[in-house]
Amino acid sequence: MRAAITAGEWPVGQRIPTEPELMDQLSVGRNTVREAVRALAHAGLLEVRQGDGTFVTARSELAGAVRRLCGSELREVLEVRRALEVEGARLAAEKRTDAQLRALRSALHEREKAYDAGDWGAFVPLDAEFHRLVLDCSANPLLIQLYHELTDAVTASVASTVHDPWQRTDISHVGLVEAIAARDPDGAAREAGDFLDELLAYLDTPRSSPGQPSQGSANRS
């Protein structure tokens, strides 16, 4: 079961097979399945929801620990994410390859297509993938690993609120990509920090009512 989670066979947010299905698939008894589920839930990889089933919440113990520390508070996740993304963007501008830059531009294009189409189911993973690619450009394995683990918590938090119309604000990442393309570390760090600062400020903006966007809503450029 742990292998299915860490390999992504059961992605974050997905309900795992039922107890009888797991008994059949793994050729083990009911008690063995229950003990495994309890152990993985204790490690933060699974969450048992009475009446709904058992869901994957993280792909590793590190991601589970991050998720527990962050709780369900999106602000806490974003604050940690900001610390990693600012330095990641700075390093990306210094170390990115031409192939990575092409991948970034392609990911940005797909992200914006999903946003323009209002396809939130596609937008959330595409947005997460774009930011993972930025960190991949940093060429710092530890930073990349830390961010990849945090992304599970970020994706789960965003996915849980994406149907809230007030979450449907977007901040263009064109400036970030162009700073990375220009090998401008300070500019890339500033773009990464500014966009997350705006997201954090948006979370604090009082909501009015549907049809009346608040002044904190971000504009695309």
N, C-alpha and C. Protein backbone atom coordinates (compact mmCIF):
# COMPACT_ATOMS: atom_id res chain seq x y z
N MET A 1 0.83 -1.20 0.00
CA MET A 1 0.00 0.00 0.00
C MET A 1 0.87 1.26 0.00
N ARG A 2 1.93 1.22 0.80
CA ARG A 2 2.84 2.36 0.82
C ARG A 2 3.46 2.57 -0.56
N ALA A 3 3.81 1.47 -1.23
CA ALA A 3 4.41 1.57 -2.56
C ALA A 3 3.44 2.19 -3.56
N ALA A 4 2.16 1.83 -3.46
CA ALA A 4 1.16 2.38 -4.37
C ALA A 4 1.01 3.88 -4.17
N ILE A 5 1.18 4.33 -2.92
CA ILE A 5 1.06 5.76 -2.62
C ILE A 5 2.29 6.51 -3.09
N THR A 6 3.48 6.03 -2.71
CA THR A 6 4.71 6.76 -3.05
C THR A 6 4.97 6.77 -4.55
N ALA A 7 4.50 5.73 -5.26
CA ALA A 7 4.70 5.68 -6.71
C ALA A 7 3.67 6.52 -7.46
N GLY A 8 2.67 7.02 -6.74
CA GLY A 8 1.66 7.84 -7.39
C GLY A 8 0.53 7.03 -8.00
N GLU A 9 0.54 5.71 -7.77
CA GLU A 9 -0.55 4.87 -8.28
C GLU A 9 -1.88 5.28 -7.66
N TRP A 10 -1.81 5.67 -6.39
CA TRP A 10 -2.94 6.28 -5.70
C TRP A 10 -2.57 7.73 -5.43
N PRO A 11 -2.98 8.66 -6.25
CA PRO A 11 -2.58 10.07 -6.07
C PRO A 11 -3.24 10.72 -4.87
N VAL A 12 -2.65 11.83 -4.44
CA VAL A 12 -3.19 12.59 -3.32
C VAL A 12 -4.62 13.02 -3.64
N GLY A 13 -5.51 12.80 -2.69
CA GLY A 13 -6.91 13.17 -2.87
C GLY A 13 -7.79 12.02 -3.32
N GLN A 14 -7.18 10.93 -3.77
CA GLN A 14 -7.96 9.79 -4.27
C GLN A 14 -8.36 8.86 -3.13
N ARG A 15 -9.56 8.30 -3.24
CA ARG A 15 -9.99 7.29 -2.28
C ARG A 15 -9.34 5.96 -2.65
N ILE A 16 -8.78 5.27 -1.67
CA ILE A 16 -8.13 4.00 -1.95
C ILE A 16 -9.19 2.91 -2.07
N PRO A 17 -8.84 1.74 -2.59
CA PRO A 17 -9.82 0.65 -2.69
C PRO A 17 -10.43 0.31 -1.33
N THR A 18 -11.60 -0.27 -1.37
CA THR A 18 -12.28 -0.63 -0.14
C THR A 18 -11.54 -1.77 0.57
N GLU A 19 -11.91 -1.98 1.81
CA GLU A 19 -11.26 -3.04 2.60
C GLU A 19 -11.36 -4.40 1.92
N PRO A 20 -12.55 -4.83 1.45
CA PRO A 20 -12.62 -6.12 0.76
C PRO A 20 -11.76 -6.16 -0.51
N GLU A 21 -11.73 -5.04 -1.23
CA GLU A 21 -10.91 -4.99 -2.45
C GLU A 21 -9.43 -5.14 -2.12
N LEU A 22 -8.99 -4.48 -1.05
CA LEU A 22 -7.58 -4.58 -0.65
C LEU A 22 -7.25 -6.00 -0.18
N MET A 23 -8.17 -6.63 0.53
CA MET A 23 -7.95 -8.01 0.97
C MET A 23 -7.75 -8.92 -0.23
N ASP A 24 -8.55 -8.69 -1.26
CA ASP A 24 -8.46 -9.51 -2.47
C ASP A 24 -7.18 -9.21 -3.25
N GLN A 25 -6.88 -7.92 -3.42
CA GLN A 25 -5.71 -7.52 -4.21
C GLN A 25 -4.40 -7.95 -3.56
N LEU A 26 -4.33 -7.86 -2.23
CA LEU A 26 -3.09 -8.13 -1.52
C LEU A 26 -3.02 -9.53 -0.93
N SER A 27 -4.13 -10.25 -1.03
CA SER A 27 -4.19 -11.63 -0.50
C SER A 27 -3.85 -11.67 0.99
N VAL A 28 -4.46 -10.77 1.73
CA VAL A 28 -4.24 -10.72 3.18
C VAL A 28 -5.59 -10.65 3.88
N GLY A 29 -5.57 -10.81 5.20
CA GLY A 29 -6.79 -10.78 5.97
C GLY A 29 -7.23 -9.37 6.34
N ARG A 30 -8.44 -9.29 6.88
CA ARG A 30 -9.03 -8.01 7.25
C ARG A 30 -8.18 -7.28 8.30
N ASN A 31 -7.71 -7.99 9.30
CA ASN A 31 -6.92 -7.35 10.35
C ASN A 31 -5.62 -6.75 9.80
N THR A 32 -5.00 -7.46 8.86
CA THR A 32 -3.76 -6.95 8.26
C THR A 32 -4.01 -5.65 7.51
N VAL A 33 -5.12 -5.61 6.76
CA VAL A 33 -5.47 -4.40 6.03
C VAL A 33 -5.73 -3.25 7.00
N ARG A 34 -6.47 -3.51 8.06
CA ARG A 34 -6.79 -2.46 9.02
C ARG A 34 -5.55 -1.94 9.73
N GLU A 35 -4.64 -2.84 10.07
CA GLU A 35 -3.39 -2.42 10.72
C GLU A 35 -2.56 -1.55 9.78
N ALA A 36 -2.53 -1.94 8.49
CA ALA A 36 -1.76 -1.17 7.51
C ALA A 36 -2.36 0.22 7.33
N VAL A 37 -3.68 0.29 7.27
CA VAL A 37 -4.35 1.59 7.12
C VAL A 37 -4.08 2.46 8.34
N ARG A 38 -4.15 1.89 9.54
CA ARG A 38 -3.88 2.65 10.76
C ARG A 38 -2.45 3.19 10.76
N ALA A 39 -1.50 2.35 10.35
CA ALA A 39 -0.10 2.77 10.33
C ALA A 39 0.13 3.89 9.32
N LEU A 40 -0.47 3.77 8.15
CA LEU A 40 -0.30 4.80 7.12
C LEU A 40 -1.03 6.08 7.49
N ALA A 41 -2.15 5.95 8.19
CA ALA A 41 -2.86 7.14 8.66
C ALA A 41 -2.03 7.85 9.73
N HIS A 42 -1.41 7.07 10.61
CA HIS A 42 -0.55 7.65 11.66
C HIS A 42 0.64 8.36 11.04
N ALA A 43 1.14 7.83 9.92
CA ALA A 43 2.28 8.45 9.23
C ALA A 43 1.88 9.67 8.42
N GLY A 44 0.56 9.90 8.31
CA GLY A 44 0.09 11.07 7.59
C GLY A 44 -0.16 10.85 6.11
N LEU A 45 -0.08 9.58 5.67
CA LEU A 45 -0.28 9.30 4.24
C LEU A 45 -1.74 9.06 3.90
N LEU A 46 -2.53 8.62 4.87
CA LEU A 46 -3.94 8.34 4.64
C LEU A 46 -4.80 9.07 5.67
N GLU A 47 -6.04 9.29 5.29
CA GLU A 47 -7.03 9.86 6.21
C GLU A 47 -8.31 9.05 6.09
N VAL A 48 -8.79 8.54 7.20
CA VAL A 48 -10.02 7.76 7.22
C VAL A 48 -11.18 8.70 7.50
N ARG A 49 -12.14 8.74 6.58
CA ARG A 49 -13.31 9.60 6.72
C ARG A 49 -14.53 8.71 6.88
N GLN A 50 -15.10 8.73 8.05
CA GLN A 50 -16.23 7.87 8.34
C GLN A 50 -17.36 8.12 7.35
N GLY A 51 -17.81 7.03 6.73
CA GLY A 51 -18.90 7.13 5.78
C GLY A 51 -18.47 7.42 4.36
N ASP A 52 -17.23 7.90 4.18
CA ASP A 52 -16.76 8.24 2.85
C ASP A 52 -15.67 7.30 2.35
N GLY A 53 -14.87 6.75 3.25
CA GLY A 53 -13.78 5.89 2.84
C GLY A 53 -12.45 6.42 3.34
N THR A 54 -11.38 5.88 2.79
CA THR A 54 -10.03 6.27 3.18
C THR A 54 -9.34 6.94 2.00
N PHE A 55 -8.75 8.10 2.24
CA PHE A 55 -8.19 8.92 1.17
C PHE A 55 -6.69 9.14 1.36
N VAL A 56 -5.98 9.26 0.23
CA VAL A 56 -4.56 9.56 0.25
C VAL A 56 -4.39 11.05 0.54
N THR A 57 -3.56 11.38 1.52
CA THR A 57 -3.35 12.78 1.88
C THR A 57 -1.92 13.25 1.62
N ALA A 58 -0.98 12.32 1.42
CA ALA A 58 0.42 12.68 1.16
C ALA A 58 1.12 11.47 0.56
N ARG A 59 2.23 11.74 -0.15
CA ARG A 59 2.95 10.65 -0.80
C ARG A 59 4.13 10.13 0.02
N SER A 60 4.48 10.82 1.09
CA SER A 60 5.59 10.37 1.92
C SER A 60 5.39 10.85 3.34
N GLU A 61 6.19 10.31 4.26
CA GLU A 61 6.10 10.74 5.65
C GLU A 61 6.45 12.22 5.79
N LEU A 62 7.41 12.69 4.98
CA LEU A 62 7.78 14.11 5.04
C LEU A 62 6.60 14.97 4.63
N ALA A 63 5.93 14.58 3.53
CA ALA A 63 4.76 15.34 3.09
C ALA A 63 3.66 15.27 4.14
N GLY A 64 3.51 14.09 4.77
CA GLY A 64 2.51 13.97 5.82
C GLY A 64 2.82 14.86 7.00
N ALA A 65 4.11 14.93 7.37
CA ALA A 65 4.51 15.80 8.47
C ALA A 65 4.25 17.25 8.14
N VAL A 66 4.57 17.65 6.91
CA VAL A 66 4.31 19.03 6.48
C VAL A 66 2.83 19.32 6.54
N ARG A 67 2.04 18.36 6.08
CA ARG A 67 0.59 18.56 6.08
C ARG A 67 0.06 18.70 7.50
N ARG A 68 0.57 17.87 8.42
CA ARG A 68 0.12 17.97 9.81
C ARG A 68 0.52 19.30 10.43
N LEU A 69 1.74 19.75 10.12
CA LEU A 69 2.21 21.02 10.67
C LEU A 69 1.40 22.18 10.12
N CYS A 70 1.08 22.09 8.83
CA CYS A 70 0.33 23.17 8.19
C CYS A 70 -1.15 23.09 8.53
N GLY A 71 -1.63 21.88 8.86
CA GLY A 71 -3.04 21.71 9.13
C GLY A 71 -3.85 21.99 7.86
N SER A 72 -5.03 22.51 8.04
CA SER A 72 -5.89 22.82 6.89
C SER A 72 -5.83 24.30 6.56
N GLU A 73 -4.93 25.04 7.21
CA GLU A 73 -4.85 26.48 7.03
C GLU A 73 -3.99 26.81 5.82
N LEU A 74 -4.62 27.27 4.76
CA LEU A 74 -3.91 27.55 3.52
C LEU A 74 -2.83 28.60 3.73
N ARG A 75 -3.09 29.56 4.60
CA ARG A 75 -2.09 30.61 4.85
C ARG A 75 -0.77 30.01 5.30
N GLU A 76 -0.81 29.05 6.21
CA GLU A 76 0.42 28.46 6.72
C GLU A 76 1.19 27.75 5.62
N VAL A 77 0.46 27.05 4.75
CA VAL A 77 1.11 26.36 3.64
C VAL A 77 1.77 27.37 2.71
N LEU A 78 1.05 28.45 2.40
CA LEU A 78 1.58 29.44 1.47
C LEU A 78 2.79 30.17 2.04
N GLU A 79 2.82 30.38 3.34
CA GLU A 79 3.97 31.06 3.94
C GLU A 79 5.23 30.21 3.81
N VAL A 80 5.09 28.90 4.03
CA VAL A 80 6.24 28.01 3.85
C VAL A 80 6.61 27.92 2.38
N ARG A 81 5.59 27.83 1.55
CA ARG A 81 5.81 27.76 0.10
C ARG A 81 6.57 28.99 -0.38
N ARG A 82 6.24 30.16 0.16
CA ARG A 82 6.91 31.39 -0.25
C ARG A 82 8.41 31.32 0.03
N ALA A 83 8.75 30.82 1.21
CA ALA A 83 10.16 30.74 1.58
C ALA A 83 10.94 29.88 0.59
N LEU A 84 10.34 28.78 0.16
CA LEU A 84 11.02 27.89 -0.78
C LEU A 84 11.02 28.45 -2.20
N GLU A 85 9.90 29.04 -2.62
CA GLU A 85 9.78 29.48 -4.01
C GLU A 85 10.65 30.69 -4.32
N VAL A 86 10.82 31.58 -3.37
CA VAL A 86 11.65 32.76 -3.64
C VAL A 86 13.09 32.34 -3.92
N GLU A 87 13.64 31.49 -3.05
CA GLU A 87 15.01 31.03 -3.28
C GLU A 87 15.08 30.12 -4.50
N GLY A 88 14.04 29.31 -4.71
CA GLY A 88 14.00 28.45 -5.88
C GLY A 88 14.02 29.24 -7.17
N ALA A 89 13.26 30.33 -7.22
CA ALA A 89 13.22 31.18 -8.41
C ALA A 89 14.57 31.84 -8.64
N ARG A 90 15.20 32.28 -7.56
CA ARG A 90 16.52 32.91 -7.68
C ARG A 90 17.54 31.93 -8.29
N LEU A 91 17.55 30.72 -7.76
CA LEU A 91 18.48 29.71 -8.28
C LEU A 91 18.11 29.29 -9.70
N ALA A 92 16.82 29.25 -10.00
CA ALA A 92 16.37 28.87 -11.34
C ALA A 92 16.90 29.84 -12.38
N ALA A 93 16.90 31.13 -12.05
CA ALA A 93 17.41 32.14 -12.99
C ALA A 93 18.90 31.95 -13.23
N GLU A 94 19.61 31.44 -12.25
CA GLU A 94 21.05 31.24 -12.39
C GLU A 94 21.39 29.94 -13.10
N LYS A 95 20.56 28.91 -12.90
CA LYS A 95 20.98 27.56 -13.29
C LYS A 95 20.12 26.88 -14.34
N ARG A 96 19.03 27.49 -14.75
CA ARG A 96 18.13 26.82 -15.69
C ARG A 96 18.85 26.53 -17.00
N THR A 97 18.39 25.46 -17.66
CA THR A 97 18.90 25.12 -18.99
C THR A 97 17.91 25.62 -20.03
N ASP A 98 18.32 25.63 -21.28
CA ASP A 98 17.41 26.04 -22.35
C ASP A 98 16.22 25.09 -22.43
N ALA A 99 16.47 23.80 -22.24
CA ALA A 99 15.38 22.83 -22.30
C ALA A 99 14.38 23.07 -21.16
N GLN A 100 14.88 23.40 -19.99
CA GLN A 100 13.99 23.68 -18.86
C GLN A 100 13.18 24.95 -19.10
N LEU A 101 13.79 25.93 -19.74
CA LEU A 101 13.07 27.16 -20.05
C LEU A 101 11.93 26.88 -21.02
N ARG A 102 12.20 26.04 -22.01
CA ARG A 102 11.13 25.67 -22.96
C ARG A 102 9.99 24.95 -22.23
N ALA A 103 10.35 24.08 -21.30
CA ALA A 103 9.32 23.36 -20.54
C ALA A 103 8.50 24.33 -19.68
N LEU A 104 9.17 25.33 -19.11
CA LEU A 104 8.47 26.34 -18.31
C LEU A 104 7.48 27.12 -19.15
N ARG A 105 7.92 27.54 -20.32
CA ARG A 105 7.02 28.32 -21.20
C ARG A 105 5.82 27.47 -21.61
N SER A 106 6.05 26.21 -21.91
CA SER A 106 4.96 25.32 -22.29
C SER A 106 3.99 25.12 -21.13
N ALA A 107 4.53 24.93 -19.92
CA ALA A 107 3.68 24.73 -18.75
C ALA A 107 2.86 25.98 -18.45
N LEU A 108 3.47 27.15 -18.62
CA LEU A 108 2.76 28.41 -18.40
C LEU A 108 1.61 28.55 -19.40
N HIS A 109 1.87 28.17 -20.64
CA HIS A 109 0.83 28.26 -21.68
C HIS A 109 -0.35 27.36 -21.34
N GLU A 110 -0.07 26.12 -20.93
CA GLU A 110 -1.15 25.18 -20.60
C GLU A 110 -1.93 25.66 -19.37
N ARG A 111 -1.22 26.22 -18.39
CA ARG A 111 -1.85 26.74 -17.19
C ARG A 111 -2.82 27.86 -17.55
N GLU A 112 -2.38 28.78 -18.40
CA GLU A 112 -3.22 29.92 -18.74
C GLU A 112 -4.41 29.50 -19.61
N LYS A 113 -4.23 28.47 -20.44
CA LYS A 113 -5.35 27.96 -21.23
C LYS A 113 -6.44 27.43 -20.31
N ALA A 114 -6.04 26.68 -19.30
CA ALA A 114 -7.02 26.12 -18.36
C ALA A 114 -7.72 27.24 -17.60
N TYR A 115 -6.96 28.26 -17.20
CA TYR A 115 -7.56 29.38 -16.47
C TYR A 115 -8.58 30.11 -17.35
N ASP A 116 -8.18 30.41 -18.58
CA ASP A 116 -9.06 31.14 -19.49
C ASP A 116 -10.34 30.37 -19.78
N ALA A 117 -10.23 29.02 -19.78
CA ALA A 117 -11.39 28.18 -20.06
C ALA A 117 -12.24 27.96 -18.81
N GLY A 118 -11.75 28.42 -17.66
CA GLY A 118 -12.48 28.19 -16.42
C GLY A 118 -12.48 26.73 -16.00
N ASP A 119 -11.48 25.98 -16.48
CA ASP A 119 -11.39 24.55 -16.17
C ASP A 119 -10.55 24.38 -14.91
N TRP A 120 -11.21 24.52 -13.75
CA TRP A 120 -10.48 24.50 -12.48
C TRP A 120 -9.91 23.14 -12.15
N GLY A 121 -10.59 22.08 -12.63
CA GLY A 121 -10.07 20.74 -12.40
C GLY A 121 -8.73 20.53 -13.07
N ALA A 122 -8.53 21.16 -14.23
CA ALA A 122 -7.25 21.08 -14.93
C ALA A 122 -6.27 22.12 -14.40
N PHE A 123 -6.80 23.28 -14.00
CA PHE A 123 -5.92 24.39 -13.60
C PHE A 123 -5.09 24.05 -12.36
N VAL A 124 -5.70 23.43 -11.36
CA VAL A 124 -4.98 23.17 -10.10
C VAL A 124 -3.72 22.34 -10.32
N PRO A 125 -3.80 21.17 -10.99
CA PRO A 125 -2.56 20.41 -11.20
C PRO A 125 -1.60 21.09 -12.15
N LEU A 126 -2.11 21.84 -13.14
CA LEU A 126 -1.22 22.54 -14.06
C LEU A 126 -0.47 23.66 -13.35
N ASP A 127 -1.15 24.34 -12.44
CA ASP A 127 -0.49 25.39 -11.66
C ASP A 127 0.60 24.79 -10.77
N ALA A 128 0.27 23.67 -10.12
CA ALA A 128 1.26 23.00 -9.27
C ALA A 128 2.45 22.52 -10.09
N GLU A 129 2.18 21.99 -11.28
CA GLU A 129 3.26 21.50 -12.14
C GLU A 129 4.17 22.63 -12.58
N PHE A 130 3.60 23.79 -12.89
CA PHE A 130 4.41 24.94 -13.29
C PHE A 130 5.40 25.29 -12.17
N HIS A 131 4.90 25.37 -10.95
CA HIS A 131 5.77 25.76 -9.84
C HIS A 131 6.80 24.68 -9.53
N ARG A 132 6.43 23.42 -9.72
CA ARG A 132 7.42 22.36 -9.54
C ARG A 132 8.55 22.49 -10.56
N LEU A 133 8.19 22.85 -11.78
CA LEU A 133 9.20 23.02 -12.83
C LEU A 133 10.16 24.16 -12.50
N VAL A 134 9.62 25.25 -11.93
CA VAL A 134 10.49 26.36 -11.53
C VAL A 134 11.52 25.85 -10.52
N LEU A 135 11.05 25.12 -9.51
CA LEU A 135 11.97 24.60 -8.49
C LEU A 135 12.94 23.59 -9.08
N ASP A 136 12.49 22.80 -10.05
CA ASP A 136 13.39 21.84 -10.69
C ASP A 136 14.57 22.54 -11.35
N CYS A 137 14.34 23.76 -11.82
CA CYS A 137 15.41 24.53 -12.47
C CYS A 137 16.49 24.96 -11.48
N SER A 138 16.21 24.87 -10.19
CA SER A 138 17.16 25.35 -9.18
C SER A 138 18.40 24.49 -9.09
N ALA A 139 18.30 23.24 -9.54
CA ALA A 139 19.42 22.30 -9.49
C ALA A 139 19.89 22.03 -8.06
N ASN A 140 18.99 22.22 -7.10
CA ASN A 140 19.29 21.92 -5.69
C ASN A 140 18.40 20.76 -5.26
N PRO A 141 18.93 19.54 -5.20
CA PRO A 141 18.09 18.36 -4.93
C PRO A 141 17.29 18.45 -3.64
N LEU A 142 17.89 18.99 -2.58
CA LEU A 142 17.17 19.07 -1.30
C LEU A 142 16.02 20.06 -1.38
N LEU A 143 16.26 21.21 -1.98
CA LEU A 143 15.20 22.21 -2.14
C LEU A 143 14.07 21.64 -2.99
N ILE A 144 14.44 20.93 -4.05
CA ILE A 144 13.43 20.33 -4.93
C ILE A 144 12.60 19.31 -4.17
N GLN A 145 13.26 18.45 -3.38
CA GLN A 145 12.54 17.43 -2.63
C GLN A 145 11.61 18.05 -1.60
N LEU A 146 12.09 19.03 -0.88
CA LEU A 146 11.25 19.71 0.11
C LEU A 146 10.02 20.32 -0.55
N TYR A 147 10.22 20.95 -1.70
CA TYR A 147 9.10 21.60 -2.36
C TYR A 147 8.11 20.57 -2.90
N HIS A 148 8.63 19.50 -3.49
CA HIS A 148 7.74 18.47 -4.02
C HIS A 148 6.85 17.90 -2.91
N GLU A 149 7.43 17.73 -1.72
CA GLU A 149 6.63 17.22 -0.61
C GLU A 149 5.59 18.25 -0.17
N LEU A 150 5.97 19.51 -0.12
CA LEU A 150 5.03 20.56 0.26
C LEU A 150 3.92 20.71 -0.76
N THR A 151 4.23 20.45 -2.03
CA THR A 151 3.24 20.63 -3.09
C THR A 151 2.02 19.76 -2.86
N ASP A 152 2.20 18.57 -2.28
CA ASP A 152 1.05 17.73 -1.97
C ASP A 152 0.07 18.46 -1.06
N ALA A 153 0.62 19.14 -0.05
CA ALA A 153 -0.24 19.89 0.88
C ALA A 153 -0.87 21.08 0.18
N VAL A 154 -0.10 21.77 -0.65
CA VAL A 154 -0.63 22.93 -1.38
C VAL A 154 -1.75 22.50 -2.31
N THR A 155 -1.50 21.44 -3.09
CA THR A 155 -2.49 20.98 -4.06
C THR A 155 -3.77 20.55 -3.36
N ALA A 156 -3.62 19.83 -2.24
CA ALA A 156 -4.80 19.39 -1.50
C ALA A 156 -5.59 20.57 -0.97
N SER A 157 -4.90 21.60 -0.48
CA SER A 157 -5.58 22.78 0.06
C SER A 157 -6.30 23.55 -1.04
N VAL A 158 -5.61 23.75 -2.17
CA VAL A 158 -6.21 24.49 -3.28
C VAL A 158 -7.38 23.72 -3.86
N ALA A 159 -7.20 22.41 -4.02
CA ALA A 159 -8.27 21.59 -4.60
C ALA A 159 -9.52 21.62 -3.73
N SER A 160 -9.34 21.72 -2.42
CA SER A 160 -10.49 21.71 -1.51
C SER A 160 -11.27 23.01 -1.55
N THR A 161 -10.68 24.08 -2.09
CA THR A 161 -11.35 25.39 -2.10
C THR A 161 -11.58 25.92 -3.50
N VAL A 162 -11.23 25.13 -4.51
CA VAL A 162 -11.28 25.66 -5.87
C VAL A 162 -12.69 26.00 -6.32
N HIS A 163 -13.69 25.38 -5.70
CA HIS A 163 -15.07 25.68 -6.09
C HIS A 163 -15.59 26.96 -5.45
N ASP A 164 -14.80 27.54 -4.54
CA ASP A 164 -15.15 28.85 -3.97
C ASP A 164 -14.82 29.91 -5.01
N PRO A 165 -15.83 30.66 -5.50
CA PRO A 165 -15.55 31.65 -6.54
C PRO A 165 -14.51 32.68 -6.13
N TRP A 166 -14.35 32.90 -4.81
CA TRP A 166 -13.37 33.91 -4.38
C TRP A 166 -11.95 33.38 -4.47
N GLN A 167 -11.79 32.08 -4.67
CA GLN A 167 -10.45 31.54 -4.86
C GLN A 167 -10.02 31.66 -6.32
N ARG A 168 -10.94 32.05 -7.19
CA ARG A 168 -10.64 32.06 -8.61
C ARG A 168 -9.99 33.37 -9.05
N THR A 169 -8.98 33.73 -8.34
CA THR A 169 -8.17 34.86 -8.74
C THR A 169 -6.91 34.30 -9.38
N ASP A 170 -6.31 35.04 -10.27
CA ASP A 170 -5.12 34.54 -10.94
C ASP A 170 -4.08 35.63 -10.99
N ILE A 171 -2.85 35.24 -10.82
CA ILE A 171 -1.74 36.16 -10.93
C ILE A 171 -0.85 35.66 -12.04
N SER A 172 -0.58 36.52 -13.00
CA SER A 172 0.22 36.10 -14.15
C SER A 172 1.62 35.73 -13.72
N HIS A 173 2.15 34.68 -14.32
CA HIS A 173 3.52 34.26 -14.05
C HIS A 173 4.44 34.58 -15.22
N VAL A 174 3.97 35.41 -16.14
CA VAL A 174 4.80 35.78 -17.30
C VAL A 174 6.08 36.46 -16.83
N GLY A 175 5.96 37.39 -15.88
CA GLY A 175 7.13 38.11 -15.39
C GLY A 175 8.15 37.18 -14.76
N LEU A 176 7.68 36.16 -14.06
CA LEU A 176 8.57 35.19 -13.43
C LEU A 176 9.35 34.42 -14.48
N VAL A 177 8.65 33.95 -15.50
CA VAL A 177 9.32 33.19 -16.56
C VAL A 177 10.31 34.07 -17.31
N GLU A 178 9.93 35.31 -17.57
CA GLU A 178 10.84 36.20 -18.31
C GLU A 178 12.09 36.53 -17.48
N ALA A 179 11.95 36.67 -16.17
CA ALA A 179 13.11 36.92 -15.32
C ALA A 179 14.04 35.71 -15.32
N ILE A 180 13.46 34.52 -15.28
CA ILE A 180 14.27 33.30 -15.35
C ILE A 180 14.96 33.21 -16.70
N ALA A 181 14.22 33.55 -17.76
CA ALA A 181 14.80 33.51 -19.11
C ALA A 181 15.96 34.48 -19.24
N ALA A 182 15.84 35.65 -18.61
CA ALA A 182 16.87 36.69 -18.69
C ALA A 182 18.02 36.44 -17.72
N ARG A 183 17.95 35.35 -16.97
CA ARG A 183 18.96 35.03 -15.95
C ARG A 183 19.11 36.19 -14.96
N ASP A 184 17.96 36.65 -14.49
CA ASP A 184 17.89 37.76 -13.54
C ASP A 184 17.46 37.22 -12.18
N PRO A 185 18.40 36.80 -11.32
CA PRO A 185 18.03 36.18 -10.05
C PRO A 185 17.18 37.08 -9.15
N ASP A 186 17.57 38.35 -9.04
CA ASP A 186 16.82 39.26 -8.17
C ASP A 186 15.41 39.47 -8.70
N GLY A 187 15.30 39.62 -10.02
CA GLY A 187 13.98 39.81 -10.62
C GLY A 187 13.10 38.59 -10.43
N ALA A 188 13.67 37.40 -10.60
CA ALA A 188 12.90 36.17 -10.43
C ALA A 188 12.43 36.02 -8.98
N ALA A 189 13.33 36.30 -8.04
CA ALA A 189 12.96 36.21 -6.62
C ALA A 189 11.86 37.20 -6.29
N ARG A 190 11.97 38.40 -6.84
CA ARG A 190 10.95 39.43 -6.58
C ARG A 190 9.60 39.00 -7.15
N GLU A 191 9.60 38.48 -8.38
CA GLU A 191 8.34 38.03 -8.99
C GLU A 191 7.70 36.91 -8.16
N ALA A 192 8.52 35.96 -7.72
CA ALA A 192 7.99 34.84 -6.94
C ALA A 192 7.43 35.33 -5.61
N GLY A 193 8.16 36.22 -4.94
CA GLY A 193 7.70 36.74 -3.65
C GLY A 193 6.46 37.60 -3.79
N ASP A 194 6.44 38.45 -4.81
CA ASP A 194 5.31 39.36 -4.98
C ASP A 194 4.02 38.61 -5.23
N PHE A 195 4.09 37.57 -6.06
CA PHE A 195 2.86 36.86 -6.40
C PHE A 195 2.30 36.12 -5.18
N LEU A 196 3.18 35.56 -4.35
CA LEU A 196 2.69 34.88 -3.15
C LEU A 196 2.23 35.88 -2.09
N ASP A 197 2.90 37.03 -2.02
CA ASP A 197 2.44 38.08 -1.11
C ASP A 197 1.03 38.53 -1.48
N GLU A 198 0.78 38.61 -2.79
CA GLU A 198 -0.54 39.03 -3.24
C GLU A 198 -1.59 37.97 -2.92
N LEU A 199 -1.21 36.69 -3.05
CA LEU A 199 -2.13 35.62 -2.68
C LEU A 199 -2.45 35.67 -1.18
N LEU A 200 -1.42 35.90 -0.37
CA LEU A 200 -1.62 35.97 1.08
C LEU A 200 -2.51 37.16 1.45
N ALA A 201 -2.28 38.29 0.78
CA ALA A 201 -3.12 39.46 1.02
C ALA A 201 -4.56 39.19 0.59
N TYR A 202 -4.71 38.44 -0.49
CA TYR A 202 -6.05 38.11 -1.00
C TYR A 202 -6.83 37.28 0.03
N LEU A 203 -6.12 36.39 0.72
CA LEU A 203 -6.79 35.58 1.73
C LEU A 203 -7.35 36.43 2.86
N ASP A 204 -6.73 37.59 3.10
CA ASP A 204 -7.16 38.48 4.18
C ASP A 204 -8.22 39.49 3.74
N THR A 205 -8.50 39.52 2.43
CA THR A 205 -9.43 40.52 1.90
C THR A 205 -10.87 40.13 2.22
N PRO A 206 -11.65 41.01 2.85
CA PRO A 206 -13.05 40.69 3.14
C PRO A 206 -13.81 40.43 1.85
N ARG A 207 -14.61 39.37 1.86
CA ARG A 207 -15.42 39.03 0.68
C ARG A 207 -16.72 39.82 0.73
N SER A 208 -17.15 40.31 -0.42
CA SER A 208 -18.45 40.99 -0.46
C SER A 208 -19.51 39.95 -0.77
N SER A 209 -20.04 39.96 -1.95
CA SER A 209 -21.03 38.96 -2.32
C SER A 209 -20.79 38.58 -3.76
N PRO A 210 -21.30 37.38 -4.20
CA PRO A 210 -21.10 36.98 -5.58
C PRO A 210 -21.56 38.05 -6.55
N GLY A 211 -20.75 38.27 -7.56
CA GLY A 211 -21.08 39.30 -8.54
C GLY A 211 -20.46 40.63 -8.21
N GLN A 212 -19.84 40.74 -6.99
CA GLN A 212 -19.20 41.98 -6.57
C GLN A 212 -17.77 41.69 -6.15
N PRO A 213 -16.83 41.58 -7.12
CA PRO A 213 -15.45 41.24 -6.79
C PRO A 213 -14.88 42.21 -5.78
N SER A 214 -14.10 41.67 -4.83
CA SER A 214 -13.48 42.53 -3.83
C SER A 214 -12.28 43.24 -4.42
N GLN A 215 -11.83 44.29 -3.74
CA GLN A 215 -10.74 45.08 -4.25
C GLN A 215 -9.43 44.32 -4.21
N GLY A 216 -9.38 43.23 -3.43
CA GLY A 216 -8.15 42.47 -3.34
C GLY A 216 -7.95 41.52 -4.49
N SER A 217 -8.95 41.42 -5.38
CA SER A 217 -8.83 40.47 -6.49
C SER A 217 -7.67 40.84 -7.38
N ALA A 218 -6.87 39.83 -7.75
CA ALA A 218 -5.66 40.09 -8.54
C ALA A 218 -5.98 40.13 -10.01
N ASN A 219 -5.22 40.93 -10.73
CA ASN A 219 -5.39 41.05 -12.17
C ASN A 219 -4.29 40.30 -12.89
N ARG A 220 -4.62 39.78 -14.06
CA ARG A 220 -3.63 39.11 -14.89
C ARG A 220 -2.99 40.15 -15.79
N SER A 221 -1.73 39.92 -16.17
CA SER A 221 -1.06 40.86 -17.06
C SER A 221 -0.30 40.11 -18.12
